[in-house]
Amino acid sequence: MPRHHLINGIQVPFTAEEEAQRDQEEQEWNDGAFDRAMADLRKRRNRLLLETDYLALSDNTLTDDMTTYRQNLRDITNGLSTVEDVNNITWPTKP
């Protein structure tokens, strides 16, 4: 389906060059989907780690469950290679 601009209230079809440019922009966006998904995952993971950082201070002793939880968070990006992998991860449960 051809794309259109709306210019002064009138639909004007894209030129062949505009179509090619838009196709390239969409391909670049799609190619970056995995990187964006991983960035979002790392942002959430880092926030969850930050919430428990105070427990890892030298004057505290982490429980085995908390140590495992934090390690599972750090390992959560291992083996992910597709957006579907990222979307289907199972987050560890905070003890």
Protein backbone atom coordinates (compact mmCIF):
# COMPACT_ATOMS: atom_id res chain seq x y z
CA MET A 1 0.00 0.00 0.00
CA PRO A 2 1.51 3.34 -0.97
CA ARG A 3 2.22 5.87 1.72
CA HIS A 4 1.00 9.44 1.66
CA HIS A 5 1.83 12.84 3.09
CA LEU A 6 -0.90 15.13 4.24
CA ILE A 7 -0.01 18.50 2.75
CA ASN A 8 -2.46 21.36 3.23
CA GLY A 9 -5.19 18.82 3.88
CA ILE A 10 -4.48 16.92 0.66
CA GLN A 11 -3.06 13.41 0.52
CA VAL A 12 0.04 13.38 -1.66
CA PRO A 13 1.68 10.02 -2.44
CA PHE A 14 5.30 9.46 -1.45
CA THR A 15 7.80 9.62 -4.25
CA ALA A 16 9.86 6.51 -4.96
CA GLU A 17 12.76 8.12 -3.08
CA GLU A 18 10.56 8.88 -0.06
CA GLU A 19 9.26 5.29 -0.09
CA ALA A 20 12.83 3.94 -0.18
CA GLN A 21 13.92 6.26 2.63
CA ARG A 22 10.93 5.27 4.77
CA ASP A 23 11.58 1.57 4.08
CA GLN A 24 15.18 2.07 5.22
CA GLU A 25 14.07 3.88 8.39
CA GLU A 26 11.62 1.10 9.22
CA GLN A 27 14.26 -1.56 8.60
CA GLU A 28 16.72 0.24 10.89
CA TRP A 29 14.02 0.48 13.57
CA ASN A 30 13.21 -3.23 13.25
CA ASP A 31 16.91 -4.15 13.28
CA GLY A 32 17.29 -2.30 16.59
CA ALA A 33 14.38 -4.06 18.30
CA PHE A 34 16.59 -6.57 20.15
CA ASP A 35 18.94 -3.86 21.41
CA ARG A 36 16.00 -1.79 22.68
CA ALA A 37 14.44 -4.83 24.37
CA MET A 38 17.74 -5.68 26.06
CA ALA A 39 18.20 -2.08 27.20
CA ASP A 40 14.72 -2.13 28.77
CA LEU A 41 15.44 -5.48 30.42
CA ARG A 42 18.74 -4.25 31.85
CA LYS A 43 17.09 -1.09 33.12
CA ARG A 44 14.48 -3.11 35.02
CA ARG A 45 17.09 -5.61 36.25
CA ASN A 46 19.35 -2.81 37.47
CA ARG A 47 16.46 -1.19 39.32
CA LEU A 48 15.65 -4.49 41.05
CA LEU A 49 19.30 -4.94 42.02
CA LEU A 50 19.45 -1.38 43.31
CA GLU A 51 16.47 -2.05 45.56
CA THR A 52 18.49 -4.72 47.37
CA ASP A 53 21.96 -3.18 47.23
CA TYR A 54 21.70 -1.95 50.81
CA LEU A 55 21.47 -5.57 51.91
CA ALA A 56 24.87 -6.31 50.38
CA LEU A 57 26.73 -3.69 52.42
CA SER A 58 29.61 -4.90 54.55
CA ASP A 59 27.64 -4.55 57.80
CA ASN A 60 24.88 -6.89 56.54
CA THR A 61 24.89 -10.59 55.83
CA LEU A 62 22.85 -11.66 52.83
CA THR A 63 20.62 -14.67 53.23
CA ASP A 64 21.21 -17.51 50.80
CA ASP A 65 17.84 -16.75 49.19
CA MET A 66 18.76 -13.11 48.65
CA THR A 67 22.18 -14.04 47.28
CA THR A 68 20.50 -16.43 44.82
CA TYR A 69 17.92 -13.80 43.86
CA ARG A 70 20.57 -11.20 43.14
CA GLN A 71 22.67 -13.69 41.16
CA ASN A 72 19.62 -14.71 39.13
CA LEU A 73 19.00 -11.05 38.32
CA ARG A 74 22.60 -10.61 37.19
CA ASP A 75 22.36 -13.75 35.04
CA ILE A 76 18.99 -12.91 33.49
CA THR A 77 20.49 -11.64 30.23
CA ASN A 78 22.49 -14.82 29.60
CA GLY A 79 21.51 -16.75 26.49
CA LEU A 80 19.04 -14.22 25.14
CA SER A 81 19.27 -13.77 21.38
CA THR A 82 15.84 -12.63 20.18
CA VAL A 83 13.18 -10.15 21.18
CA GLU A 84 10.91 -13.12 21.91
CA ASP A 85 13.51 -14.49 24.34
CA VAL A 86 13.58 -11.14 26.13
CA ASN A 87 9.79 -10.86 26.23
CA ASN A 88 9.42 -14.39 27.62
CA ILE A 89 11.90 -14.29 30.48
CA THR A 90 10.76 -15.30 33.93
CA TRP A 91 11.78 -12.80 36.56
CA PRO A 92 13.04 -14.30 39.82
CA THR A 93 10.86 -13.80 42.88
CA LYS A 94 12.27 -11.54 45.55
CA PRO A 95 12.55 -13.40 48.85
